[in-house]
Amino acid sequence: MSSIGTGRTRSGIPESGRQAVSGSNSLPVFDLLKREELRRMVEDDGMTDAQIARMFGVSTNQVHRRREKMNLVQGHRSAETLAHIVQLAETIKTLPDEAIAEIEGIVSRYTNPGGLS
C-alpha cells in the first residue's frame, strides 16, 4: 500500500489528491471528501475552487458543483432554510392586512436599498 505524503493543509487534508486504498489501486480522495472538510478548506484555509481542483486532480467545475451540492456556495440557501421560508410564506397568508403591510415595508427596504419606491 502506498503511503500518503506528509504535506497537509491547515484543515488536515492531505496535499496529495490521491490516497491509496488497497493494493496498487488508488481512489480519488475528492470523491470521499466530507462536507466539513471541504468547508474548512474554503472558509478556514481560504482556498479557491482552482486550488482545490489542482490538489485533487479534478476540474474547477467539479469542485464548484460539489460545493453547490453541499450548500457551501456563498449566497445559496440550504434545503432546510428554503423549507422554513416556504413555511413562513404560508403563515404570512393568514396575517391581518396591517401585518402584511409591515412585511411589505420590510421587503421593500431590502429589495430597494436606496429607499426608492
C-alpha atoms as a PDB file:
ATOM      1  CA  MET A   1       0.000   0.000   0.000  1.00  0.00           C
ATOM      2  CA  SER A   2       1.374   3.413  -0.919  1.00  0.00           C
ATOM      3  CA  SER A   3       1.850   5.997   1.770  1.00  0.00           C
ATOM      4  CA  ILE A   4       0.412   9.484   1.754  1.00  0.00           C
ATOM      5  CA  GLY A   5       2.786  12.451   1.555  1.00  0.00           C
ATOM      6  CA  THR A   6       3.318  14.338   4.786  1.00  0.00           C
ATOM      7  CA  GLY A   7       2.158  17.698   3.365  1.00  0.00           C
ATOM      8  CA  ARG A   8      -1.249  18.655   4.718  1.00  0.00           C
ATOM      9  CA  THR A   9      -3.383  21.796   4.686  1.00  0.00           C
ATOM     10  CA  ARG A  10      -4.243  23.525   7.980  1.00  0.00           C
ATOM     11  CA  SER A  11      -7.550  21.664   7.950  1.00  0.00           C
ATOM     12  CA  GLY A  12      -5.654  18.349   7.931  1.00  0.00           C
ATOM     13  CA  ILE A  13      -6.443  17.409   4.317  1.00  0.00           C
ATOM     14  CA  PRO A  14      -3.508  15.752   2.548  1.00  0.00           C
ATOM     15  CA  GLU A  15      -1.932  17.997  -0.082  1.00  0.00           C
ATOM     16  CA  SER A  16      -1.772  14.975  -2.349  1.00  0.00           C
ATOM     17  CA  GLY A  17      -5.078  14.478  -4.108  1.00  0.00           C
ATOM     18  CA  ARG A  18      -4.826  10.692  -4.217  1.00  0.00           C
ATOM     19  CA  GLN A  19      -4.725   8.208  -1.422  1.00  0.00           C
ATOM     20  CA  ALA A  20      -4.004   4.526  -1.796  1.00  0.00           C
ATOM     21  CA  VAL A  21      -6.991   2.496  -0.663  1.00  0.00           C
ATOM     22  CA  SER A  22      -5.872  -1.085  -1.244  1.00  0.00           C
ATOM     23  CA  GLY A  23      -3.078  -2.784  -3.143  1.00  0.00           C
ATOM     24  CA  SER A  24      -1.894  -0.776  -6.128  1.00  0.00           C
ATOM     25  CA  ASN A  25      -5.324   0.765  -6.799  1.00  0.00           C
ATOM     26  CA  SER A  26      -5.905   4.341  -5.735  1.00  0.00           C
ATOM     27  CA  LEU A  27      -9.175   6.158  -5.252  1.00  0.00           C
ATOM     28  CA  PRO A  28      -9.505   9.930  -5.660  1.00  0.00           C
ATOM     29  CA  VAL A  29      -9.875  11.416  -2.197  1.00  0.00           C
ATOM     30  CA  PHE A  30     -12.112  14.150  -3.666  1.00  0.00           C
ATOM     31  CA  ASP A  31     -14.915  11.609  -4.119  1.00  0.00           C
ATOM     32  CA  LEU A  32     -14.703  10.808  -0.406  1.00  0.00           C
ATOM     33  CA  LEU A  33     -14.319  14.393   0.823  1.00  0.00           C
ATOM     34  CA  LYS A  34     -16.798  15.220   3.587  1.00  0.00           C
ATOM     35  CA  ARG A  35     -18.733  18.482   3.747  1.00  0.00           C
ATOM     36  CA  GLU A  36     -16.906  19.714   6.848  1.00  0.00           C
ATOM     37  CA  GLU A  37     -13.502  19.029   5.264  1.00  0.00           C
ATOM     38  CA  LEU A  38     -14.442  20.962   2.118  1.00  0.00           C
ATOM     39  CA  ARG A  39     -15.926  23.771   4.228  1.00  0.00           C
ATOM     40  CA  ARG A  40     -12.671  24.084   6.190  1.00  0.00           C
ATOM     41  CA  MET A  41     -10.609  24.200   3.010  1.00  0.00           C
ATOM     42  CA  VAL A  42     -12.745  27.011   1.587  1.00  0.00           C
ATOM     43  CA  GLU A  43     -13.620  29.042   4.693  1.00  0.00           C
ATOM     44  CA  ASP A  44     -10.753  28.394   7.122  1.00  0.00           C
ATOM     45  CA  ASP A  45      -7.870  27.849   4.690  1.00  0.00           C
ATOM     46  CA  GLY A  46      -9.188  30.371   2.128  1.00  0.00           C
ATOM     47  CA  MET A  47      -8.637  28.007  -0.793  1.00  0.00           C
ATOM     48  CA  THR A  48     -10.203  28.718  -4.183  1.00  0.00           C
ATOM     49  CA  ASP A  49     -12.004  26.148  -6.317  1.00  0.00           C
ATOM     50  CA  ALA A  50      -8.990  26.156  -8.644  1.00  0.00           C
ATOM     51  CA  GLN A  51      -6.560  25.404  -5.811  1.00  0.00           C
ATOM     52  CA  ILE A  52      -8.749  22.566  -4.543  1.00  0.00           C
ATOM     53  CA  ALA A  53      -9.147  21.226  -8.081  1.00  0.00           C
ATOM     54  CA  ARG A  54      -5.361  21.147  -8.589  1.00  0.00           C
ATOM     55  CA  MET A  55      -4.869  19.462  -5.223  1.00  0.00           C
ATOM     56  CA  PHE A  56      -7.276  16.642  -6.072  1.00  0.00           C
ATOM     57  CA  GLY A  57      -6.667  16.435  -9.827  1.00  0.00           C
ATOM     58  CA  VAL A  58     -10.250  17.356 -10.739  1.00  0.00           C
ATOM     59  CA  SER A  59     -11.784  20.248 -12.669  1.00  0.00           C
ATOM     60  CA  THR A  60     -12.745  23.563 -11.117  1.00  0.00           C
ATOM     61  CA  ASN A  61     -16.326  22.876 -12.245  1.00  0.00           C
ATOM     62  CA  GLN A  62     -16.347  19.596 -10.297  1.00  0.00           C
ATOM     63  CA  VAL A  63     -15.276  21.427  -7.143  1.00  0.00           C
ATOM     64  CA  HIS A  64     -17.880  24.148  -7.645  1.00  0.00           C
ATOM     65  CA  ARG A  65     -20.663  21.609  -8.294  1.00  0.00           C
ATOM     66  CA  ARG A  66     -19.643  19.699  -5.186  1.00  0.00           C
ATOM     67  CA  ARG A  67     -19.738  22.890  -3.107  1.00  0.00           C
ATOM     68  CA  GLU A  68     -23.177  23.717  -4.541  1.00  0.00           C
ATOM     69  CA  LYS A  69     -24.432  20.233  -3.721  1.00  0.00           C
ATOM     70  CA  MET A  70     -23.102  20.609  -0.184  1.00  0.00           C
ATOM     71  CA  ASN A  71     -24.581  24.133   0.186  1.00  0.00           C
ATOM     72  CA  LEU A  72     -21.142  25.686   0.509  1.00  0.00           C
ATOM     73  CA  VAL A  73     -21.536  28.380  -2.140  1.00  0.00           C
ATOM     74  CA  GLN A  74     -21.992  31.793  -0.579  1.00  0.00           C
ATOM     75  CA  GLY A  75     -25.469  33.150  -1.187  1.00  0.00           C
ATOM     76  CA  HIS A  76     -27.035  29.706  -1.632  1.00  0.00           C
ATOM     77  CA  ARG A  77     -29.586  28.615   0.927  1.00  0.00           C
ATOM     78  CA  SER A  78     -29.840  25.138   2.359  1.00  0.00           C
ATOM     79  CA  ALA A  79     -32.908  22.980   1.789  1.00  0.00           C
ATOM     80  CA  GLU A  80     -33.853  23.472   5.443  1.00  0.00           C
ATOM     81  CA  THR A  81     -33.706  27.260   5.105  1.00  0.00           C
ATOM     82  CA  LEU A  82     -35.809  27.173   1.932  1.00  0.00           C
ATOM     83  CA  ALA A  83     -38.388  24.943   3.652  1.00  0.00           C
ATOM     84  CA  HIS A  84     -38.543  27.448   6.530  1.00  0.00           C
ATOM     85  CA  ILE A  85     -39.060  30.321   4.074  1.00  0.00           C
ATOM     86  CA  VAL A  86     -41.956  28.461   2.427  1.00  0.00           C
ATOM     87  CA  GLN A  87     -43.487  27.796   5.855  1.00  0.00           C
ATOM     88  CA  LEU A  88     -43.096  31.472   6.716  1.00  0.00           C
ATOM     89  CA  ALA A  89     -44.829  32.485   3.476  1.00  0.00           C
ATOM     90  CA  GLU A  90     -47.751  30.192   4.330  1.00  0.00           C
ATOM     91  CA  THR A  91     -48.014  31.805   7.764  1.00  0.00           C
ATOM     92  CA  ILE A  92     -47.958  35.307   6.266  1.00  0.00           C
ATOM     93  CA  LYS A  93     -51.081  34.454   4.252  1.00  0.00           C
ATOM     94  CA  THR A  94     -53.049  34.190   7.495  1.00  0.00           C
ATOM     95  CA  LEU A  95     -51.937  37.517   8.987  1.00  0.00           C
ATOM     96  CA  PRO A  96     -54.144  40.619   9.140  1.00  0.00           C
ATOM     97  CA  ASP A  97     -53.722  43.289   6.456  1.00  0.00           C
ATOM     98  CA  GLU A  98     -51.767  45.672   8.721  1.00  0.00           C
ATOM     99  CA  ALA A  99     -49.173  42.951   9.435  1.00  0.00           C
ATOM    100  CA  ILE A 100     -48.829  42.226   5.724  1.00  0.00           C
ATOM    101  CA  ALA A 101     -48.305  45.959   5.100  1.00  0.00           C
ATOM    102  CA  GLU A 102     -45.449  45.914   7.652  1.00  0.00           C
ATOM    103  CA  ILE A 103     -43.892  42.914   5.943  1.00  0.00           C
ATOM    104  CA  GLU A 104     -44.183  44.658   2.566  1.00  0.00           C
ATOM    105  CA  GLY A 105     -42.297  47.620   4.046  1.00  0.00           C
ATOM    106  CA  ILE A 106     -39.507  45.358   5.285  1.00  0.00           C
ATOM    107  CA  VAL A 107     -39.259  43.582   1.926  1.00  0.00           C
ATOM    108  CA  SER A 108     -39.183  46.930   0.150  1.00  0.00           C
ATOM    109  CA  ARG A 109     -36.297  48.168   2.342  1.00  0.00           C
ATOM    110  CA  TYR A 110     -34.206  45.105   1.477  1.00  0.00           C
ATOM    111  CA  THR A 111     -35.047  44.977  -2.221  1.00  0.00           C
ATOM    112  CA  ASN A 112     -34.719  48.748  -2.777  1.00  0.00           C
ATOM    113  CA  PRO A 113     -31.632  49.642  -0.689  1.00  0.00           C
ATOM    114  CA  GLY A 114     -31.634  53.268  -1.806  1.00  0.00           C
ATOM    115  CA  GLY A 115     -35.105  53.733  -0.396  1.00  0.00           C
ATOM    116  CA  LEU A 116     -36.524  54.351  -3.873  1.00  0.00           C
ATOM    117  CA  SER A 117     -40.031  53.069  -4.297  1.00  0.00           C
END
